[in-house]
Amino acid sequence: MNTPVRRIIKKVQLLIGVFDSGLGGLTVARELIRELPDYSLIYFGDTARSPYGSKSAATVIRYSIANANFLLDRGAQLIVVACNTASSLATSALKERFSVPIFEVISPAVQMVVSNRKSYRVGIIGTRATVNSGVYEQKIRSFRPEIKVLSNACPLLVPLVEEGWIKKPETRRIVKKYLHPLKMRQIDTLILACTHYPLLKDIIQAKIGKRVKIIDSSQAIARDVKKFIEQHPEIKDRLDKRGQYQIYVSDVTEHFQEMADTILKNRVTLKRISI
């Protein structure tokens, strides 16, 4: 009688759960793997319904709740919302609905800005939904109202990344055009308010200028999750520590496979599921 029970327990994996609208959140997964290499992780990319940046708030909230449910059903003990649009629009709804720790990508980036006393003119680039929400400006000014915050929506950057046009000259020209208003206003700090944008970081840095400090939210949130786990042994002791990761998507294409392999620097097995 004991053998079947032991088998069932052995199969249970208590994981770090991550979701995004597509492949951009893999930059967050990559940083989590770097910061917490011994911990197992489950990722869901909602590629069939991407991008979220052009969706209504109600739709983004509905999608986010479904995504979180999927991860929790498969053993997630904490949820990382690796999408700026979902973070800005759905975090409150997720925290009201679920009892597990919920992490969003906005607060860690904001903390990096406000803790840097050299930051006075901060630029933000992101999707229309993120920029229109005003969440970054609100959070920054709640800590340091003297900071001037300037935002610019960059709706073409996500599809360019999704298409793998990272090194195309057209992408460089579009990045330059989007950054021009911020460069003219002489910002000293730039927040990449979309988890796709770290894949364009080198181009963005070149176009905005070397003197501008770039804040990568994927790195910031990975450090926050690591700190939280280290400070909460009741969660740390329960998490699976075999250093494995599972990648689920709602649609699989050859291109997504190539991009996932590139981002994670490994051959990734993608599992397609419907939500």
Protein backbone atom coordinates (compact mmCIF):
# COMPACT_ATOMS: atom_id res chain seq x y z
CA MET A 1 0.00 0.00 0.00
CA ASN A 2 2.89 2.38 0.69
CA THR A 3 4.54 2.08 -2.75
CA PRO A 4 1.86 3.90 -4.80
CA VAL A 5 1.77 6.73 -2.26
CA ARG A 6 5.54 7.17 -2.50
CA ARG A 7 5.28 7.32 -6.31
CA ILE A 8 2.65 10.05 -6.16
CA ILE A 9 4.69 12.17 -3.76
CA LYS A 10 7.80 11.75 -5.88
CA LYS A 11 6.03 13.20 -8.90
CA VAL A 12 4.95 16.38 -7.12
CA GLN A 13 7.19 19.32 -8.02
CA LEU A 14 6.82 22.61 -6.18
CA LEU A 15 7.99 25.22 -8.63
CA ILE A 16 8.63 28.86 -9.39
CA GLY A 17 5.89 29.83 -11.86
CA VAL A 18 6.37 32.45 -14.58
CA PHE A 19 3.98 33.68 -17.26
CA ASP A 20 4.12 36.16 -20.11
CA SER A 21 2.14 37.04 -23.22
CA GLY A 22 4.80 35.43 -25.41
CA LEU A 23 8.54 34.99 -25.59
CA GLY A 24 9.63 38.22 -23.89
CA GLY A 25 9.15 36.71 -20.46
CA LEU A 26 11.84 34.18 -21.26
CA THR A 27 14.29 36.99 -20.48
CA VAL A 28 12.88 36.90 -16.93
CA ALA A 29 13.09 33.10 -16.87
CA ARG A 30 16.70 33.35 -18.04
CA GLU A 31 17.60 35.72 -15.19
CA LEU A 32 15.77 33.57 -12.64
CA ILE A 33 17.74 30.54 -13.82
CA ARG A 34 20.96 32.55 -13.44
CA GLU A 35 20.08 33.79 -9.96
CA LEU A 36 18.50 30.53 -8.74
CA PRO A 37 20.17 27.75 -10.77
CA ASP A 38 19.22 24.99 -8.31
CA TYR A 39 15.50 25.74 -8.37
CA SER A 40 13.01 24.27 -10.81
CA LEU A 41 10.80 26.58 -12.85
CA ILE A 42 7.65 26.36 -14.95
CA TYR A 43 6.98 28.95 -17.67
CA PHE A 44 3.89 29.68 -19.72
CA GLY A 45 4.00 31.91 -22.80
CA ASP A 46 0.57 32.84 -24.16
CA THR A 47 1.82 32.98 -27.75
CA ALA A 48 -1.61 32.30 -29.27
CA ARG A 49 -3.06 35.48 -27.73
CA SER A 50 0.00 37.71 -27.87
CA PRO A 51 0.51 40.66 -27.75
CA TYR A 52 -1.26 41.81 -24.58
CA GLY A 53 -0.24 45.44 -25.08
CA SER A 54 -3.09 46.13 -27.50
CA LYS A 55 -5.76 44.37 -25.41
CA SER A 56 -8.27 45.92 -23.01
CA ALA A 57 -7.66 45.82 -19.26
CA ALA A 58 -10.54 43.37 -18.75
CA THR A 59 -9.09 40.98 -21.32
CA VAL A 60 -5.59 41.15 -19.86
CA ILE A 61 -6.95 40.44 -16.37
CA ARG A 62 -8.95 37.46 -17.66
CA TYR A 63 -5.95 36.03 -19.48
CA SER A 64 -3.68 36.59 -16.48
CA ILE A 65 -6.00 34.76 -14.09
CA ALA A 66 -6.18 31.81 -16.49
CA ASN A 67 -2.39 31.79 -16.82
CA ALA A 68 -1.89 31.83 -13.05
CA ASN A 69 -4.40 29.01 -12.60
CA PHE A 70 -2.51 26.92 -15.13
CA LEU A 71 0.79 27.39 -13.29
CA LEU A 72 -0.73 26.74 -9.86
CA ASP A 73 -2.38 23.54 -11.08
CA ARG A 74 1.09 22.32 -12.05
CA GLY A 75 2.79 23.01 -8.78
CA ALA A 76 3.76 26.70 -8.79
CA GLN A 77 4.29 28.02 -5.25
CA LEU A 78 4.79 31.61 -6.32
CA ILE A 79 3.89 33.48 -9.49
CA VAL A 80 6.13 35.85 -11.43
CA VAL A 81 4.19 38.06 -13.85
CA ALA A 82 6.88 38.47 -16.52
CA CYS A 83 4.84 40.91 -18.58
CA ASN A 84 4.68 44.65 -18.00
CA THR A 85 1.19 44.95 -19.44
CA ALA A 86 -0.18 42.21 -17.17
CA SER A 87 1.83 43.60 -14.24
CA SER A 88 0.32 47.06 -14.67
CA LEU A 89 -3.26 45.92 -15.27
CA ALA A 90 -3.74 42.56 -13.52
CA THR A 91 -1.54 42.44 -10.40
CA SER A 92 -4.25 43.66 -8.02
CA ALA A 93 -6.76 41.14 -9.38
CA LEU A 94 -4.23 38.31 -9.06
CA LYS A 95 -3.36 39.22 -5.47
CA GLU A 96 -7.04 39.37 -4.54
CA ARG A 97 -7.76 35.99 -6.10
CA PHE A 98 -4.72 33.92 -5.13
CA SER A 99 -2.99 33.37 -1.77
CA VAL A 100 0.48 32.59 -3.16
CA PRO A 101 3.15 35.32 -3.45
CA ILE A 102 2.70 37.34 -6.66
CA PHE A 103 5.66 39.20 -8.17
CA GLU A 104 5.35 41.84 -10.88
CA VAL A 105 8.11 43.41 -12.97
CA ILE A 106 7.31 47.06 -12.25
CA SER A 107 8.15 47.56 -8.57
CA PRO A 108 11.71 46.13 -8.73
CA ALA A 109 12.60 48.42 -11.65
CA VAL A 110 11.09 51.42 -9.85
CA GLN A 111 13.13 50.63 -6.73
CA MET A 112 16.32 50.60 -8.80
CA VAL A 113 15.46 54.06 -10.13
CA VAL A 114 14.48 55.75 -6.89
CA SER A 115 17.46 54.32 -4.98
CA ASN A 116 19.84 55.90 -7.49
CA ARG A 117 20.32 59.51 -6.41
CA LYS A 118 21.71 60.35 -9.85
CA SER A 119 18.30 59.71 -11.43
CA TYR A 120 16.37 62.93 -12.04
CA ARG A 121 15.04 62.60 -15.60
CA VAL A 122 13.70 59.12 -16.23
CA GLY A 123 12.48 57.78 -19.56
CA ILE A 124 10.10 54.85 -19.92
CA ILE A 125 9.49 52.81 -23.06
CA GLY A 126 6.86 50.10 -23.24
CA THR A 127 3.66 48.96 -24.88
CA ARG A 128 0.73 51.36 -25.24
CA ALA A 129 -1.14 49.62 -22.41
CA THR A 130 1.78 49.94 -20.00
CA VAL A 131 2.53 53.55 -20.91
CA ASN A 132 -1.14 54.57 -20.83
CA SER A 133 -1.61 52.99 -17.39
CA GLY A 134 0.80 55.53 -15.90
CA VAL A 135 1.84 52.97 -13.29
CA TYR A 136 5.57 53.68 -13.53
CA GLU A 137 5.10 57.42 -13.14
CA GLN A 138 2.79 56.93 -10.14
CA LYS A 139 5.15 54.58 -8.35
CA ILE A 140 8.27 56.66 -9.03
CA ARG A 141 6.66 59.90 -7.89
CA SER A 142 5.27 58.27 -4.76
CA PHE A 143 8.89 57.80 -3.63
CA ARG A 144 10.59 60.78 -5.27
CA PRO A 145 8.18 63.41 -6.59
CA GLU A 146 11.06 65.57 -7.81
CA ILE A 147 11.91 63.07 -10.58
CA LYS A 148 10.78 64.09 -14.07
CA VAL A 149 9.23 61.08 -15.82
CA LEU A 150 8.88 60.92 -19.61
CA SER A 151 7.19 58.01 -21.37
CA ASN A 152 6.96 56.83 -24.95
CA ALA A 153 4.94 53.91 -26.28
CA CYS A 154 6.84 51.70 -28.75
CA PRO A 155 4.18 49.42 -30.27
CA LEU A 156 6.37 48.08 -33.09
CA LEU A 157 9.19 46.71 -30.94
CA VAL A 158 7.41 43.61 -29.63
CA PRO A 159 6.42 42.30 -33.09
CA LEU A 160 9.94 43.05 -34.37
CA VAL A 161 11.42 40.96 -31.55
CA GLU A 162 8.83 38.22 -32.04
CA GLU A 163 9.78 38.09 -35.72
CA GLY A 164 13.46 37.80 -34.85
CA TRP A 165 14.32 41.12 -36.54
CA ILE A 166 16.73 42.05 -33.75
CA LYS A 167 19.70 42.75 -36.03
CA LYS A 168 17.79 44.23 -38.95
CA PRO A 169 18.61 47.83 -40.00
CA GLU A 170 14.88 48.58 -39.99
CA THR A 171 14.76 47.76 -36.29
CA ARG A 172 17.67 50.09 -35.57
CA ARG A 173 15.90 52.92 -37.39
CA ILE A 174 12.63 52.34 -35.54
CA VAL A 175 14.39 52.19 -32.15
CA LYS A 176 16.16 55.47 -32.97
CA LYS A 177 12.85 57.13 -33.89
CA TYR A 178 11.13 55.97 -30.70
CA LEU A 179 14.02 57.10 -28.51
CA HIS A 180 14.52 60.48 -30.19
CA PRO A 181 11.98 62.43 -28.05
CA LEU A 182 13.52 61.03 -24.86
CA LYS A 183 17.05 61.73 -26.03
CA MET A 184 16.11 65.32 -26.86
CA ARG A 185 14.78 65.72 -23.30
CA GLN A 186 18.18 64.59 -21.98
CA ILE A 187 17.05 61.70 -19.78
CA ASP A 188 19.64 60.17 -17.45
CA THR A 189 17.86 56.84 -16.90
CA LEU A 190 15.77 54.62 -19.18
CA ILE A 191 13.45 51.88 -17.96
CA LEU A 192 12.84 49.00 -20.38
CA ALA A 193 9.19 48.58 -19.42
CA CYS A 194 8.69 45.47 -21.53
CA THR A 195 10.42 42.11 -21.07
CA HIS A 196 10.97 41.85 -24.83
CA TYR A 197 13.22 44.91 -24.78
CA PRO A 198 16.29 43.35 -23.09
CA LEU A 199 16.77 41.51 -26.38
CA LEU A 200 17.26 44.94 -27.97
CA LYS A 201 19.35 46.36 -25.11
CA ASP A 202 22.55 46.82 -27.12
CA ILE A 203 20.71 48.72 -29.85
CA ILE A 204 18.79 50.81 -27.32
CA GLN A 205 21.97 51.71 -25.45
CA ALA A 206 23.70 52.72 -28.66
CA LYS A 207 20.79 54.92 -29.77
CA ILE A 208 20.05 56.57 -26.42
CA GLY A 209 23.72 57.17 -25.57
CA LYS A 210 26.25 55.62 -23.21
CA ARG A 211 25.68 58.15 -20.45
CA VAL A 212 22.06 56.96 -19.94
CA LYS A 213 21.65 54.19 -17.37
CA ILE A 214 19.36 51.41 -18.61
CA ILE A 215 17.15 49.61 -16.10
CA ASP A 216 16.42 46.01 -17.14
CA SER A 217 13.30 44.85 -15.28
CA SER A 218 14.06 41.17 -15.93
CA GLN A 219 17.27 41.41 -13.90
CA ALA A 220 15.60 43.46 -11.18
CA ILE A 221 12.73 41.04 -10.60
CA ALA A 222 15.03 37.98 -10.58
CA ARG A 223 17.03 39.53 -7.75
CA ASP A 224 13.82 40.32 -5.84
CA VAL A 225 12.54 36.74 -6.16
CA LYS A 226 15.89 35.38 -4.99
CA LYS A 227 15.88 37.68 -1.97
CA PHE A 228 12.30 36.70 -1.11
CA ILE A 229 13.04 32.97 -1.28
CA GLU A 230 16.15 33.35 0.90
CA GLN A 231 14.10 35.27 3.49
CA HIS A 232 11.23 32.73 3.56
CA PRO A 233 12.56 29.29 4.53
CA GLU A 234 9.02 27.89 4.68
CA ILE A 235 8.87 28.36 0.89
CA LYS A 236 12.56 27.75 0.18
CA ASP A 237 12.50 24.34 1.85
CA ARG A 238 9.48 23.22 -0.20
CA LEU A 239 10.64 24.25 -3.67
CA ASP A 240 12.00 21.62 -6.03
CA LYS A 241 15.78 21.90 -6.30
CA ARG A 242 16.62 19.79 -9.30
CA GLY A 243 17.35 22.81 -11.49
CA GLN A 244 14.84 21.77 -14.16
CA TYR A 245 12.53 23.97 -16.19
CA GLN A 246 9.39 23.33 -18.18
CA ILE A 247 8.28 25.66 -20.98
CA TYR A 248 4.61 25.69 -22.04
CA VAL A 249 3.11 27.80 -24.81
CA SER A 250 -0.40 28.22 -26.21
CA ASP A 251 0.93 28.03 -29.78
CA VAL A 252 4.17 26.64 -31.19
CA THR A 253 5.97 27.89 -34.26
CA GLU A 254 9.39 27.06 -35.62
CA HIS A 255 10.42 30.65 -35.11
CA PHE A 256 9.39 30.66 -31.43
CA GLN A 257 11.42 27.50 -30.95
CA GLU A 258 14.48 29.20 -32.43
CA MET A 259 14.02 32.30 -30.28
CA ALA A 260 13.49 30.27 -27.10
CA ASP A 261 16.67 28.32 -27.78
CA THR A 262 18.55 31.57 -28.35
CA ILE A 263 17.27 33.34 -25.24
CA LEU A 264 17.87 30.41 -22.89
CA LYS A 265 21.08 29.39 -24.69
CA ASN A 266 19.95 25.78 -24.77
CA ARG A 267 17.74 23.48 -26.80
CA VAL A 268 14.31 23.92 -25.23
CA THR A 269 11.44 21.44 -25.32
CA LEU A 270 8.22 23.40 -25.88
CA LYS A 271 4.93 21.88 -24.74
CA ARG A 272 1.77 23.20 -26.35
CA ILE A 273 -1.35 23.52 -24.21
CA SER A 274 -4.74 25.21 -24.60
CA ILE A 275 -6.11 27.56 -21.95
